[in-house]
Amino acid sequence: MLTWLVNNLATIIVGLIVLAVVILIVRKLRSDKKKGKSSCGGNCSGCANCQYCHHK
C-alpha cells in the first residue's frame, strides 16, 4: 500500500488541488446566487432564462 502511494503521489496531489479549486468555485457560485448576483455576465434583455435569475 505504501509503495502504491509513493508511486502515485504526484497524481494524488494534483487531484487534491483540482478538487480544492472545484470546491472553491462552487462555493463562490452559491454565495453569488444567494446575494442575487448573476453568474452569466450576459445581457438579461435577450436571455430566455431571465425570470430564473431575477425573481420579481
N, C-alpha and C. Protein backbone atom coordinates (compact mmCIF):
# COMPACT_ATOMS: atom_id res chain seq x y z
N MET A 1 0.83 -1.20 0.00
CA MET A 1 0.00 0.00 0.00
C MET A 1 0.87 1.26 0.00
N LEU A 2 1.91 1.26 0.81
CA LEU A 2 2.79 2.42 0.88
C LEU A 2 3.52 2.64 -0.44
N THR A 3 3.87 1.55 -1.11
CA THR A 3 4.54 1.66 -2.40
C THR A 3 3.61 2.30 -3.42
N TRP A 4 2.37 1.90 -3.40
CA TRP A 4 1.39 2.47 -4.33
C TRP A 4 1.23 3.97 -4.10
N LEU A 5 1.17 4.39 -2.82
CA LEU A 5 1.05 5.81 -2.50
C LEU A 5 2.25 6.59 -3.00
N VAL A 6 3.44 6.05 -2.79
CA VAL A 6 4.66 6.73 -3.23
C VAL A 6 4.69 6.83 -4.75
N ASN A 7 4.29 5.77 -5.44
CA ASN A 7 4.30 5.77 -6.91
C ASN A 7 3.27 6.72 -7.51
N ASN A 8 2.19 6.99 -6.79
CA ASN A 8 1.11 7.83 -7.30
C ASN A 8 0.96 9.15 -6.56
N LEU A 9 1.98 9.56 -5.83
CA LEU A 9 1.89 10.75 -5.01
C LEU A 9 1.63 12.01 -5.84
N ALA A 10 2.28 12.16 -6.98
CA ALA A 10 2.07 13.34 -7.82
C ALA A 10 0.63 13.40 -8.32
N THR A 11 0.09 12.28 -8.73
CA THR A 11 -1.28 12.23 -9.22
C THR A 11 -2.26 12.57 -8.10
N ILE A 12 -2.01 12.06 -6.92
CA ILE A 12 -2.88 12.33 -5.78
C ILE A 12 -2.85 13.81 -5.42
N ILE A 13 -1.67 14.42 -5.41
CA ILE A 13 -1.55 15.84 -5.07
C ILE A 13 -2.27 16.71 -6.11
N VAL A 14 -2.07 16.43 -7.38
CA VAL A 14 -2.74 17.20 -8.43
C VAL A 14 -4.25 17.02 -8.33
N GLY A 15 -4.70 15.82 -8.07
CA GLY A 15 -6.13 15.57 -7.91
C GLY A 15 -6.72 16.34 -6.74
N LEU A 16 -6.00 16.41 -5.63
CA LEU A 16 -6.48 17.17 -4.48
C LEU A 16 -6.52 18.67 -4.77
N ILE A 17 -5.55 19.17 -5.52
CA ILE A 17 -5.54 20.58 -5.89
C ILE A 17 -6.73 20.90 -6.80
N VAL A 18 -6.99 20.04 -7.77
CA VAL A 18 -8.13 20.24 -8.67
C VAL A 18 -9.44 20.18 -7.88
N LEU A 19 -9.55 19.24 -6.96
CA LEU A 19 -10.75 19.13 -6.13
C LEU A 19 -10.96 20.39 -5.29
N ALA A 20 -9.88 20.92 -4.73
CA ALA A 20 -9.98 22.15 -3.93
C ALA A 20 -10.44 23.32 -4.78
N VAL A 21 -9.94 23.44 -6.00
CA VAL A 21 -10.33 24.52 -6.89
C VAL A 21 -11.82 24.40 -7.25
N VAL A 22 -12.27 23.22 -7.54
CA VAL A 22 -13.69 23.00 -7.88
C VAL A 22 -14.57 23.35 -6.68
N ILE A 23 -14.17 22.96 -5.49
CA ILE A 23 -14.96 23.28 -4.29
C ILE A 23 -15.03 24.78 -4.09
N LEU A 24 -13.92 25.49 -4.28
CA LEU A 24 -13.92 26.94 -4.13
C LEU A 24 -14.81 27.61 -5.18
N ILE A 25 -14.80 27.11 -6.40
CA ILE A 25 -15.65 27.68 -7.45
C ILE A 25 -17.13 27.48 -7.11
N VAL A 26 -17.49 26.30 -6.65
CA VAL A 26 -18.89 26.02 -6.30
C VAL A 26 -19.32 26.90 -5.14
N ARG A 27 -18.45 27.07 -4.14
CA ARG A 27 -18.79 27.95 -3.01
C ARG A 27 -19.02 29.38 -3.47
N LYS A 28 -18.18 29.87 -4.38
CA LYS A 28 -18.31 31.24 -4.89
C LYS A 28 -19.62 31.39 -5.68
N LEU A 29 -19.94 30.42 -6.51
CA LEU A 29 -21.18 30.48 -7.29
C LEU A 29 -22.41 30.48 -6.37
N ARG A 30 -22.39 29.63 -5.35
CA ARG A 30 -23.52 29.57 -4.41
C ARG A 30 -23.65 30.87 -3.64
N SER A 31 -22.51 31.43 -3.22
CA SER A 31 -22.52 32.70 -2.50
C SER A 31 -23.07 33.82 -3.37
N ASP A 32 -22.63 33.88 -4.62
CA ASP A 32 -23.12 34.90 -5.54
C ASP A 32 -24.61 34.75 -5.80
N LYS A 33 -25.08 33.52 -5.91
CA LYS A 33 -26.50 33.29 -6.16
C LYS A 33 -27.33 33.75 -4.96
N LYS A 34 -26.85 33.50 -3.74
CA LYS A 34 -27.57 33.94 -2.56
C LYS A 34 -27.62 35.46 -2.47
N LYS A 35 -26.59 36.13 -2.98
CA LYS A 35 -26.53 37.59 -2.96
C LYS A 35 -27.30 38.20 -4.13
N GLY A 36 -27.79 37.37 -5.05
CA GLY A 36 -28.56 37.86 -6.18
C GLY A 36 -27.72 38.26 -7.37
N LYS A 37 -26.46 37.94 -7.35
CA LYS A 37 -25.59 38.27 -8.48
C LYS A 37 -25.79 37.26 -9.60
N SER A 38 -25.66 37.71 -10.83
CA SER A 38 -25.79 36.83 -11.98
C SER A 38 -24.43 36.22 -12.29
N SER A 39 -24.41 34.96 -12.64
CA SER A 39 -23.15 34.29 -12.93
C SER A 39 -22.82 34.26 -14.41
N CYS A 40 -23.79 34.64 -15.25
CA CYS A 40 -23.54 34.53 -16.69
C CYS A 40 -22.81 35.74 -17.26
N GLY A 41 -23.07 36.91 -16.72
CA GLY A 41 -22.42 38.13 -17.20
C GLY A 41 -22.96 38.63 -18.53
N GLY A 42 -24.07 38.08 -18.96
CA GLY A 42 -24.66 38.48 -20.24
C GLY A 42 -25.71 39.56 -20.09
N ASN A 43 -26.36 39.87 -21.19
CA ASN A 43 -27.40 40.87 -21.22
C ASN A 43 -28.74 40.18 -20.96
N CYS A 44 -29.42 40.58 -19.90
CA CYS A 44 -30.65 39.91 -19.49
C CYS A 44 -31.83 40.17 -20.44
N SER A 45 -31.79 41.25 -21.19
CA SER A 45 -32.94 41.55 -22.04
C SER A 45 -33.12 40.53 -23.16
N GLY A 46 -32.06 39.86 -23.56
CA GLY A 46 -32.17 38.87 -24.62
C GLY A 46 -32.10 37.44 -24.12
N CYS A 47 -32.15 37.27 -22.83
CA CYS A 47 -31.99 35.93 -22.24
C CYS A 47 -33.34 35.27 -22.02
N ALA A 48 -33.46 34.03 -22.45
CA ALA A 48 -34.72 33.30 -22.29
C ALA A 48 -34.92 32.84 -20.84
N ASN A 49 -33.86 32.79 -20.05
CA ASN A 49 -33.96 32.32 -18.67
C ASN A 49 -33.87 33.46 -17.65
N CYS A 50 -34.14 34.67 -18.07
CA CYS A 50 -34.04 35.83 -17.19
C CYS A 50 -34.93 35.69 -15.96
N GLN A 51 -36.09 35.12 -16.09
CA GLN A 51 -37.01 35.00 -14.96
C GLN A 51 -36.45 34.08 -13.87
N TYR A 52 -35.54 33.21 -14.20
CA TYR A 52 -34.95 32.33 -13.19
C TYR A 52 -33.81 33.02 -12.42
N CYS A 53 -33.16 33.97 -13.03
CA CYS A 53 -32.07 34.69 -12.37
C CYS A 53 -32.58 35.82 -11.49
N HIS A 54 -33.57 36.53 -11.97
CA HIS A 54 -34.05 37.72 -11.29
C HIS A 54 -35.51 37.57 -10.92
N HIS A 55 -35.75 37.12 -9.70
CA HIS A 55 -37.12 36.95 -9.22
C HIS A 55 -37.71 38.32 -8.89
N LYS A 56 -38.95 38.51 -9.30
CA LYS A 56 -39.61 39.80 -9.01
C LYS A 56 -40.77 39.58 -8.09
